């Protein structure tokens, strides 16, 4: 959905130039920073930001930390919240055409 939104919103050359940096940025949200780094204020802050995105909860489900149903619920909630702005952008773009 995110790729479709970008594809309909930007020119092809802009997508080609921005796709790799965007993927690197999004990759920082997959595995919680606290797995690799000792806890400090920055790591705690980044982990709080990661909890907005579904990939954080997908990682937690894979780790099987004993809270599977909670993680599934949070995954679904964050999935909807994350994609909602892109659905709105597509709907607005379709209205104007």
PDB file of N, CA and C in Angstrom:
ATOM      1  N   UNK A   1       0.813  -1.181   0.000  1.00  0.00           N
ATOM      2  CA  UNK A   1       0.000   0.000   0.000  1.00  0.00           C
ATOM      3  C   UNK A   1       0.866   1.258   0.000  1.00  0.00           C
ATOM      4  N   UNK A   2       1.938   1.213   0.760  1.00  0.00           N
ATOM      5  CA  UNK A   2       2.829   2.376   0.823  1.00  0.00           C
ATOM      6  C   UNK A   2       3.486   2.599  -0.532  1.00  0.00           C
ATOM      7  N   UNK A   3       3.965   1.525  -1.154  1.00  0.00           N
ATOM      8  CA  UNK A   3       4.572   1.641  -2.475  1.00  0.00           C
ATOM      9  C   UNK A   3       3.588   2.133  -3.522  1.00  0.00           C
ATOM     10  N   UNK A   4       2.352   1.673  -3.458  1.00  0.00           N
ATOM     11  CA  UNK A   4       1.326   2.120  -4.396  1.00  0.00           C
ATOM     12  C   UNK A   4       1.067   3.614  -4.227  1.00  0.00           C
ATOM     13  N   UNK A   5       0.992   4.060  -2.983  1.00  0.00           N
ATOM     14  CA  UNK A   5       0.768   5.484  -2.719  1.00  0.00           C
ATOM     15  C   UNK A   5       1.907   6.326  -3.280  1.00  0.00           C
ATOM     16  N   UNK A   6       3.140   5.897  -3.039  1.00  0.00           N
ATOM     17  CA  UNK A   6       4.276   6.638  -3.581  1.00  0.00           C
ATOM     18  C   UNK A   6       4.284   6.597  -5.102  1.00  0.00           C
ATOM     19  N   UNK A   7       3.938   5.444  -5.662  1.00  0.00           N
ATOM     20  CA  UNK A   7       3.926   5.306  -7.112  1.00  0.00           C
ATOM     21  C   UNK A   7       2.919   6.206  -7.794  1.00  0.00           C
ATOM     22  N   UNK A   8       1.790   6.450  -7.139  1.00  0.00           N
ATOM     23  CA  UNK A   8       0.776   7.327  -7.725  1.00  0.00           C
ATOM     24  C   UNK A   8       0.987   8.794  -7.370  1.00  0.00           C
ATOM     25  N   UNK A   9       1.888   9.066  -6.446  1.00  0.00           N
ATOM     26  CA  UNK A   9       2.070  10.444  -5.976  1.00  0.00           C
ATOM     27  C   UNK A   9       3.315  11.135  -6.523  1.00  0.00           C
ATOM     28  N   UNK A  10       4.339  10.369  -6.853  1.00  0.00           N
ATOM     29  CA  UNK A  10       5.608  10.960  -7.260  1.00  0.00           C
ATOM     30  C   UNK A  10       6.012  10.482  -8.646  1.00  0.00           C
ATOM     31  N   UNK A  11       6.928  11.240  -9.254  1.00  0.00           N
ATOM     32  CA  UNK A  11       7.463  10.847 -10.560  1.00  0.00           C
ATOM     33  C   UNK A  11       8.399   9.647 -10.399  1.00  0.00           C
ATOM     34  N   UNK A  12       8.566   8.930 -11.482  1.00  0.00           N
ATOM     35  CA  UNK A  12       9.377   7.710 -11.447  1.00  0.00           C
ATOM     36  C   UNK A  12      10.816   7.976 -11.027  1.00  0.00           C
ATOM     37  N   UNK A  13      11.398   9.053 -11.506  1.00  0.00           N
ATOM     38  CA  UNK A  13      12.798   9.336 -11.148  1.00  0.00           C
ATOM     39  C   UNK A  13      12.939   9.645  -9.651  1.00  0.00           C
ATOM     40  N   UNK A  14      11.944  10.318  -9.088  1.00  0.00           N
ATOM     41  CA  UNK A  14      11.990  10.609  -7.656  1.00  0.00           C
ATOM     42  C   UNK A  14      11.868   9.320  -6.840  1.00  0.00           C
ATOM     43  N   UNK A  15      11.043   8.407  -7.298  1.00  0.00           N
ATOM     44  CA  UNK A  15      10.889   7.123  -6.605  1.00  0.00           C
ATOM     45  C   UNK A  15      12.179   6.322  -6.699  1.00  0.00           C
ATOM     46  N   UNK A  16      12.790   6.304  -7.879  1.00  0.00           N
ATOM     47  CA  UNK A  16      14.057   5.590  -8.051  1.00  0.00           C
ATOM     48  C   UNK A  16      15.138   6.154  -7.125  1.00  0.00           C
ATOM     49  N   UNK A  17      15.193   7.469  -7.001  1.00  0.00           N
ATOM     50  CA  UNK A  17      16.221   8.093  -6.172  1.00  0.00           C
ATOM     51  C   UNK A  17      15.946   7.929  -4.681  1.00  0.00           C
ATOM     52  N   UNK A  18      14.691   7.906  -4.294  1.00  0.00           N
ATOM     53  CA  UNK A  18      14.361   7.874  -2.878  1.00  0.00           C
ATOM     54  C   UNK A  18      14.065   6.516  -2.281  1.00  0.00           C
ATOM     55  N   UNK A  19      13.952   5.485  -3.117  1.00  0.00           N
ATOM     56  CA  UNK A  19      13.538   4.183  -2.587  1.00  0.00           C
ATOM     57  C   UNK A  19      14.586   3.541  -1.678  1.00  0.00           C
ATOM     58  N   UNK A  20      15.835   3.608  -2.032  1.00  0.00           N
ATOM     59  CA  UNK A  20      16.867   2.988  -1.198  1.00  0.00           C
ATOM     60  C   UNK A  20      17.016   3.692   0.151  1.00  0.00           C
ATOM     61  N   UNK A  21      17.135   5.017   0.196  1.00  0.00           N
ATOM     62  CA  UNK A  21      17.200   5.660   1.519  1.00  0.00           C
ATOM     63  C   UNK A  21      15.944   5.403   2.354  1.00  0.00           C
ATOM     64  N   UNK A  22      14.788   5.361   1.718  1.00  0.00           N
ATOM     65  CA  UNK A  22      13.558   5.085   2.442  1.00  0.00           C
ATOM     66  C   UNK A  22      13.570   3.684   3.031  1.00  0.00           C
ATOM     67  N   UNK A  23      14.056   2.711   2.287  1.00  0.00           N
ATOM     68  CA  UNK A  23      14.124   1.341   2.798  1.00  0.00           C
ATOM     69  C   UNK A  23      15.106   1.230   3.958  1.00  0.00           C
ATOM     70  N   UNK A  24      16.228   1.951   3.890  1.00  0.00           N
ATOM     71  CA  UNK A  24      17.167   1.959   5.016  1.00  0.00           C
ATOM     72  C   UNK A  24      16.525   2.566   6.259  1.00  0.00           C
ATOM     73  N   UNK A  25      15.767   3.629   6.073  1.00  0.00           N
ATOM     74  CA  UNK A  25      15.075   4.259   7.194  1.00  0.00           C
ATOM     75  C   UNK A  25      14.045   3.303   7.794  1.00  0.00           C
ATOM     76  N   UNK A  26      13.248   2.670   6.965  1.00  0.00           N
ATOM     77  CA  UNK A  26      12.236   1.745   7.459  1.00  0.00           C
ATOM     78  C   UNK A  26      12.852   0.502   8.102  1.00  0.00           C
ATOM     79  N   UNK A  27      14.019   0.101   7.638  1.00  0.00           N
ATOM     80  CA  UNK A  27      14.680  -1.077   8.213  1.00  0.00           C
ATOM     81  C   UNK A  27      15.087  -0.848   9.663  1.00  0.00           C
ATOM     82  N   UNK A  28      15.287   0.397  10.053  1.00  0.00           N
ATOM     83  CA  UNK A  28      15.660   0.671  11.445  1.00  0.00           C
ATOM     84  C   UNK A  28      14.519   0.392  12.413  1.00  0.00           C
ATOM     85  N   UNK A  29      13.315   0.201  11.884  1.00  0.00           N
ATOM     86  CA  UNK A  29      12.153  -0.040  12.736  1.00  0.00           C
ATOM     87  C   UNK A  29      11.782  -1.509  12.848  1.00  0.00           C
ATOM     88  N   UNK A  30      12.542  -2.413  12.268  1.00  0.00           N
ATOM     89  CA  UNK A  30      12.162  -3.822  12.269  1.00  0.00           C
ATOM     90  C   UNK A  30      12.543  -4.505  13.574  1.00  0.00           C
ATOM     91  N   UNK A  31      13.796  -4.480  13.935  1.00  0.00           N
ATOM     92  CA  UNK A  31      14.257  -5.143  15.161  1.00  0.00           C
ATOM     93  C   UNK A  31      14.451  -4.073  16.238  1.00  0.00           C
ATOM     94  N   UNK A  32      13.889  -4.282  17.430  1.00  0.00           N
ATOM     95  CA  UNK A  32      14.061  -3.292  18.501  1.00  0.00           C
ATOM     96  C   UNK A  32      15.536  -3.019  18.791  1.00  0.00           C
ATOM     97  N   UNK A  33      15.857  -1.763  18.963  1.00  0.00           N
ATOM     98  CA  UNK A  33      17.238  -1.374  19.221  1.00  0.00           C
ATOM     99  C   UNK A  33      17.760  -1.986  20.499  1.00  0.00           C
ATOM    100  N   UNK A  34      16.877  -2.214  21.467  1.00  0.00           N
ATOM    101  CA  UNK A  34      17.326  -2.744  22.752  1.00  0.00           C
ATOM    102  C   UNK A  34      17.878  -4.162  22.646  1.00  0.00           C
ATOM    103  N   UNK A  35      17.654  -4.828  21.523  1.00  0.00           N
ATOM    104  CA  UNK A  35      18.210  -6.163  21.310  1.00  0.00           C
ATOM    105  C   UNK A  35      19.724  -6.083  21.097  1.00  0.00           C
ATOM    106  N   UNK A  36      20.174  -5.005  20.443  1.00  0.00           N
ATOM    107  CA  UNK A  36      21.584  -4.888  20.074  1.00  0.00           C
ATOM    108  C   UNK A  36      22.374  -3.914  20.937  1.00  0.00           C
ATOM    109  N   UNK A  37      21.686  -2.947  21.530  1.00  0.00           N
ATOM    110  CA  UNK A  37      22.379  -1.886  22.258  1.00  0.00           C
ATOM    111  C   UNK A  37      21.968  -1.880  23.720  1.00  0.00           C
ATOM    112  N   UNK A  38      22.865  -1.457  24.607  1.00  0.00           N
ATOM    113  CA  UNK A  38      22.482  -1.352  26.021  1.00  0.00           C
ATOM    114  C   UNK A  38      21.447  -0.241  26.207  1.00  0.00           C
ATOM    115  N   UNK A  39      20.592  -0.432  27.184  1.00  0.00           N
ATOM    116  CA  UNK A  39      19.517   0.528  27.430  1.00  0.00           C
ATOM    117  C   UNK A  39      20.076   1.884  27.837  1.00  0.00           C
ATOM    118  N   UNK A  40      19.578   2.908  27.199  1.00  0.00           N
ATOM    119  CA  UNK A  40      19.848   4.289  27.571  1.00  0.00           C
ATOM    120  C   UNK A  40      18.673   5.124  27.057  1.00  0.00           C
ATOM    121  N   UNK A  41      18.717   6.398  27.225  1.00  0.00           N
ATOM    122  CA  UNK A  41      17.594   7.251  26.857  1.00  0.00           C
ATOM    123  C   UNK A  41      17.302   7.190  25.361  1.00  0.00           C
ATOM    124  N   UNK A  42      18.314   7.209  24.531  1.00  0.00           N
ATOM    125  CA  UNK A  42      18.120   7.166  23.077  1.00  0.00           C
ATOM    126  C   UNK A  42      17.518   5.833  22.644  1.00  0.00           C
ATOM    127  N   UNK A  43      18.015   4.740  23.171  1.00  0.00           N
ATOM    128  CA  UNK A  43      17.500   3.416  22.818  1.00  0.00           C
ATOM    129  C   UNK A  43      16.047   3.286  23.266  1.00  0.00           C
ATOM    130  N   UNK A  44      15.738   3.761  24.457  1.00  0.00           N
ATOM    131  CA  UNK A  44      14.359   3.721  24.941  1.00  0.00           C
ATOM    132  C   UNK A  44      13.439   4.584  24.081  1.00  0.00           C
ATOM    133  N   UNK A  45      13.925   5.735  23.649  1.00  0.00           N
ATOM    134  CA  UNK A  45      13.150   6.615  22.773  1.00  0.00           C
ATOM    135  C   UNK A  45      12.877   5.948  21.430  1.00  0.00           C
ATOM    136  N   UNK A  46      13.902   5.358  20.827  1.00  0.00           N
ATOM    137  CA  UNK A  46      13.727   4.691  19.532  1.00  0.00           C
ATOM    138  C   UNK A  46      12.806   3.474  19.659  1.00  0.00           C
ATOM    139  N   UNK A  47      12.890   2.753  20.763  1.00  0.00           N
ATOM    140  CA  UNK A  47      12.003   1.615  20.975  1.00  0.00           C
ATOM    141  C   UNK A  47      10.560   2.090  21.090  1.00  0.00           C
ATOM    142  N   UNK A  48      10.336   3.219  21.740  1.00  0.00           N
ATOM    143  CA  UNK A  48       8.984   3.776  21.833  1.00  0.00           C
ATOM    144  C   UNK A  48       8.452   4.138  20.453  1.00  0.00           C
ATOM    145  N   UNK A  49       9.302   4.690  19.594  1.00  0.00           N
ATOM    146  CA  UNK A  49       8.891   5.008  18.226  1.00  0.00           C
ATOM    147  C   UNK A  49       8.616   3.723  17.452  1.00  0.00           C
ATOM    148  N   UNK A  50       9.442   2.708  17.639  1.00  0.00           N
ATOM    149  CA  UNK A  50       9.254   1.441  16.933  1.00  0.00           C
ATOM    150  C   UNK A  50       7.918   0.802  17.278  1.00  0.00           C
ATOM    151  N   UNK A  51       7.410   1.035  18.463  1.00  0.00           N
ATOM    152  CA  UNK A  51       6.141   0.431  18.880  1.00  0.00           C
ATOM    153  C   UNK A  51       4.946   0.964  18.104  1.00  0.00           C
ATOM    154  N   UNK A  52       5.124   2.017  17.329  1.00  0.00           N
ATOM    155  CA  UNK A  52       4.063   2.535  16.470  1.00  0.00           C
ATOM    156  C   UNK A  52       3.886   1.639  15.255  1.00  0.00           C
ATOM    157  N   UNK A  53       4.951   0.982  14.829  1.00  0.00           N
ATOM    158  CA  UNK A  53       4.955   0.240  13.575  1.00  0.00           C
ATOM    159  C   UNK A  53       4.712  -1.254  13.795  1.00  0.00           C
ATOM    160  N   UNK A  54       4.039  -1.903  12.846  1.00  0.00           N
ATOM    161  CA  UNK A  54       3.717  -3.325  13.003  1.00  0.00           C
ATOM    162  C   UNK A  54       4.934  -4.241  13.038  1.00  0.00           C
ATOM    163  N   UNK A  55       6.034  -3.833  12.449  1.00  0.00           N
ATOM    164  CA  UNK A  55       7.201  -4.709  12.423  1.00  0.00           C
ATOM    165  C   UNK A  55       7.728  -4.994  13.829  1.00  0.00           C
ATOM    166  N   UNK A  56       7.556  -4.072  14.764  1.00  0.00           N
ATOM    167  CA  UNK A  56       7.982  -4.293  16.151  1.00  0.00           C
ATOM    168  C   UNK A  56       7.230  -5.493  16.731  1.00  0.00           C
ATOM    169  N   UNK A  57       5.922  -5.539  16.510  1.00  0.00           N
ATOM    170  CA  UNK A  57       5.107  -6.615  17.073  1.00  0.00           C
ATOM    171  C   UNK A  57       5.286  -7.921  16.306  1.00  0.00           C
ATOM    172  N   UNK A  58       5.591  -7.831  15.007  1.00  0.00           N
ATOM    173  CA  UNK A  58       5.903  -9.052  14.247  1.00  0.00           C
ATOM    174  C   UNK A  58       7.165  -9.690  14.816  1.00  0.00           C
ATOM    175  N   UNK A  59       8.149  -8.867  15.142  1.00  0.00           N
ATOM    176  CA  UNK A  59       9.378  -9.388  15.744  1.00  0.00           C
ATOM    177  C   UNK A  59       9.073 -10.024  17.099  1.00  0.00           C
ATOM    178  N   UNK A  60       8.217  -9.384  17.889  1.00  0.00           N
ATOM    179  CA  UNK A  60       7.855  -9.929  19.191  1.00  0.00           C
ATOM    180  C   UNK A  60       7.131 -11.267  19.049  1.00  0.00           C
ATOM    181  N   UNK A  61       6.283 -11.413  18.025  1.00  0.00           N
ATOM    182  CA  UNK A  61       5.585 -12.688  17.796  1.00  0.00           C
ATOM    183  C   UNK A  61       6.573 -13.785  17.439  1.00  0.00           C
ATOM    184  N   UNK A  62       7.560 -13.447  16.627  1.00  0.00           N
ATOM    185  CA  UNK A  62       8.576 -14.432  16.240  1.00  0.00           C
ATOM    186  C   UNK A  62       9.391 -14.870  17.451  1.00  0.00           C
ATOM    187  N   UNK A  63       9.655 -13.936  18.356  1.00  0.00           N
ATOM    188  CA  UNK A  63      10.440 -14.264  19.548  1.00  0.00           C
ATOM    189  C   UNK A  63       9.655 -15.098  20.559  1.00  0.00           C
ATOM    190  N   UNK A  64       8.334 -15.175  20.384  1.00  0.00           N
ATOM    191  CA  UNK A  64       7.462 -15.975  21.249  1.00  0.00           C
ATOM    192  C   UNK A  64       7.720 -15.664  22.717  1.00  0.00           C
ATOM    193  N   UNK A  65       7.472 -14.414  23.068  1.00  0.00           N
ATOM    194  CA  UNK A  65       7.734 -13.975  24.435  1.00  0.00           C
ATOM    195  C   UNK A  65       6.600 -14.287  25.413  1.00  0.00           C
ATOM    196  N   UNK A  66       5.662 -15.139  25.023  1.00  0.00           N
ATOM    197  CA  UNK A  66       4.594 -15.548  25.929  1.00  0.00           C
ATOM    198  C   UNK A  66       3.372 -14.647  25.888  1.00  0.00           C
ATOM    199  N   UNK A  67       3.386 -13.621  25.099  1.00  0.00           N
ATOM    200  CA  UNK A  67       2.252 -12.716  24.985  1.00  0.00           C
ATOM    201  C   UNK A  67       1.760 -12.674  23.547  1.00  0.00           C
ATOM    202  N   UNK A  68       1.541 -13.838  22.957  1.00  0.00           N
ATOM    203  CA  UNK A  68       1.203 -13.929  21.540  1.00  0.00           C
ATOM    204  C   UNK A  68      -0.059 -13.157  21.201  1.00  0.00           C
ATOM    205  N   UNK A  69      -1.135 -13.348  21.955  1.00  0.00           N
ATOM    206  CA  UNK A  69      -2.404 -12.695  21.615  1.00  0.00           C
ATOM    207  C   UNK A  69      -2.310 -11.185  21.767  1.00  0.00           C
ATOM    208  N   UNK A  70      -1.601 -10.728  22.773  1.00  0.00           N
ATOM    209  CA  UNK A  70      -1.403  -9.285  22.945  1.00  0.00           C
ATOM    210  C   UNK A  70      -0.624  -8.730  21.750  1.00  0.00           C
ATOM    211  N   UNK A  71       0.430  -9.443  21.340  1.00  0.00           N
ATOM    212  CA  UNK A  71       1.239  -8.980  20.213  1.00  0.00           C
ATOM    213  C   UNK A  71       0.459  -9.018  18.911  1.00  0.00           C
ATOM    214  N   UNK A  72      -0.405 -10.011  18.732  1.00  0.00           N
ATOM    215  CA  UNK A  72      -1.228 -10.070  17.517  1.00  0.00           C
ATOM    216  C   UNK A  72      -2.189  -8.888  17.487  1.00  0.00           C
ATOM    217  N   UNK A  73      -2.806  -8.596  18.628  1.00  0.00           N
ATOM    218  CA  UNK A  73      -3.713  -7.450  18.697  1.00  0.00           C
ATOM    219  C   UNK A  73      -3.006  -6.134  18.439  1.00  0.00           C
ATOM    220  N   UNK A  74      -1.837  -5.965  19.025  1.00  0.00           N
ATOM    221  CA  UNK A  74      -1.073  -4.735  18.811  1.00  0.00           C
ATOM    222  C   UNK A  74      -0.560  -4.644  17.376  1.00  0.00           C
ATOM    223  N   UNK A  75      -0.198  -5.782  16.793  1.00  0.00           N
ATOM    224  CA  UNK A  75       0.225  -5.810  15.390  1.00  0.00           C
ATOM    225  C   UNK A  75      -0.907  -5.318  14.501  1.00  0.00           C
ATOM    226  N   UNK A  76      -2.104  -5.853  14.699  1.00  0.00           N
ATOM    227  CA  UNK A  76      -3.252  -5.455  13.879  1.00  0.00           C
ATOM    228  C   UNK A  76      -3.579  -3.977  14.064  1.00  0.00           C
ATOM    229  N   UNK A  77      -3.548  -3.512  15.302  1.00  0.00           N
ATOM    230  CA  UNK A  77      -3.843  -2.106  15.579  1.00  0.00           C
ATOM    231  C   UNK A  77      -2.815  -1.184  14.931  1.00  0.00           C
ATOM    232  N   UNK A  78      -1.538  -1.482  15.109  1.00  0.00           N
ATOM    233  CA  UNK A  78      -0.504  -0.627  14.526  1.00  0.00           C
ATOM    234  C   UNK A  78      -0.501  -0.713  13.003  1.00  0.00           C
ATOM    235  N   UNK A  79      -0.875  -1.874  12.461  1.00  0.00           N
ATOM    236  CA  UNK A  79      -0.973  -2.039  11.008  1.00  0.00           C
ATOM    237  C   UNK A  79      -2.011  -1.072  10.441  1.00  0.00           C
ATOM    238  N   UNK A  80      -3.174  -1.027  11.075  1.00  0.00           N
ATOM    239  CA  UNK A  80      -4.247  -0.140  10.614  1.00  0.00           C
ATOM    240  C   UNK A  80      -3.844   1.320  10.791  1.00  0.00           C
ATOM    241  N   UNK A  81      -3.280   1.657  11.952  1.00  0.00           N
ATOM    242  CA  UNK A  81      -2.884   3.041  12.214  1.00  0.00           C
ATOM    243  C   UNK A  81      -1.797   3.500  11.244  1.00  0.00           C
ATOM    244  N   UNK A  82      -0.861   2.621  10.940  1.00  0.00           N
ATOM    245  CA  UNK A  82       0.229   2.968  10.032  1.00  0.00           C
ATOM    246  C   UNK A  82      -0.275   3.159   8.599  1.00  0.00           C
ATOM    247  N   UNK A  83      -1.194   2.314   8.163  1.00  0.00           N
ATOM    248  CA  UNK A  83      -1.665   2.398   6.782  1.00  0.00           C
ATOM    249  C   UNK A  83      -2.768   3.423   6.567  1.00  0.00           C
ATOM    250  N   UNK A  84      -3.436   3.847   7.615  1.00  0.00           N
ATOM    251  CA  UNK A  84      -4.547   4.779   7.478  1.00  0.00           C
ATOM    252  C   UNK A  84      -4.187   6.057   6.716  1.00  0.00           C
ATOM    253  N   UNK A  85      -3.062   6.715   7.008  1.00  0.00           N
ATOM    254  CA  UNK A  85      -2.724   7.921   6.226  1.00  0.00           C
ATOM    255  C   UNK A  85      -2.541   7.630   4.731  1.00  0.00           C
ATOM    256  N   UNK A  86      -2.045   6.448   4.401  1.00  0.00           N
ATOM    257  CA  UNK A  86      -1.859   6.112   2.992  1.00  0.00           C
ATOM    258  C   UNK A  86      -3.195   5.837   2.306  1.00  0.00           C
ATOM    259  N   UNK A  87      -4.132   5.214   3.011  1.00  0.00           N
ATOM    260  CA  UNK A  87      -5.480   5.026   2.473  1.00  0.00           C
ATOM    261  C   UNK A  87      -6.151   6.373   2.233  1.00  0.00           C
ATOM    262  N   UNK A  88      -5.984   7.298   3.156  1.00  0.00           N
ATOM    263  CA  UNK A  88      -6.578   8.627   3.016  1.00  0.00           C
ATOM    264  C   UNK A  88      -5.953   9.357   1.826  1.00  0.00           C
ATOM    265  N   UNK A  89      -4.634   9.241   1.671  1.00  0.00           N
ATOM    266  CA  UNK A  89      -3.960   9.889   0.544  1.00  0.00           C
ATOM    267  C   UNK A  89      -4.446   9.341  -0.789  1.00  0.00           C
ATOM    268  N   UNK A  90      -4.615   8.028  -0.858  1.00  0.00           N
ATOM    269  CA  UNK A  90      -5.106   7.425  -2.116  1.00  0.00           C
ATOM    270  C   UNK A  90      -6.535   7.850  -2.378  1.00  0.00           C
ATOM    271  N   UNK A  91      -7.376   7.856  -1.346  1.00  0.00           N
ATOM    272  CA  UNK A  91      -8.758   8.266  -1.517  1.00  0.00           C
ATOM    273  C   UNK A  91      -8.837   9.716  -1.982  1.00  0.00           C
ATOM    274  N   UNK A  92      -8.020  10.589  -1.426  1.00  0.00           N
ATOM    275  CA  UNK A  92      -8.009  12.000  -1.836  1.00  0.00           C
ATOM    276  C   UNK A  92      -7.542  12.138  -3.285  1.00  0.00           C
ATOM    277  N   UNK A  93      -6.547  11.348  -3.656  1.00  0.00           N
ATOM    278  CA  UNK A  93      -6.028  11.409  -5.035  1.00  0.00           C
ATOM    279  C   UNK A  93      -7.084  10.906  -6.014  1.00  0.00           C
ATOM    280  N   UNK A  94      -7.811   9.847  -5.655  1.00  0.00           N
ATOM    281  CA  UNK A  94      -8.856   9.329  -6.538  1.00  0.00           C
ATOM    282  C   UNK A  94     -10.029  10.300  -6.678  1.00  0.00           C
ATOM    283  N   UNK A  95     -10.322  11.047  -5.631  1.00  0.00           N
ATOM    284  CA  UNK A  95     -11.401  12.039  -5.692  1.00  0.00           C
ATOM    285  C   UNK A  95     -11.088  13.158  -6.677  1.00  0.00           C
ATOM    286  N   UNK A  96      -9.814  13.515  -6.759  1.00  0.00           N
ATOM    287  CA  UNK A  96      -9.427  14.631  -7.621  1.00  0.00           C
ATOM    288  C   UNK A  96      -9.285  14.232  -9.090  1.00  0.00           C
ATOM    289  N   UNK A  97      -9.405  12.963  -9.377  1.00  0.00           N
ATOM    290  CA  UNK A  97      -9.298  12.523 -10.774  1.00  0.00           C
ATOM    291  C   UNK A  97     -10.625  12.246 -11.335  1.00  0.00           C
TER     292      UNK A  97
END
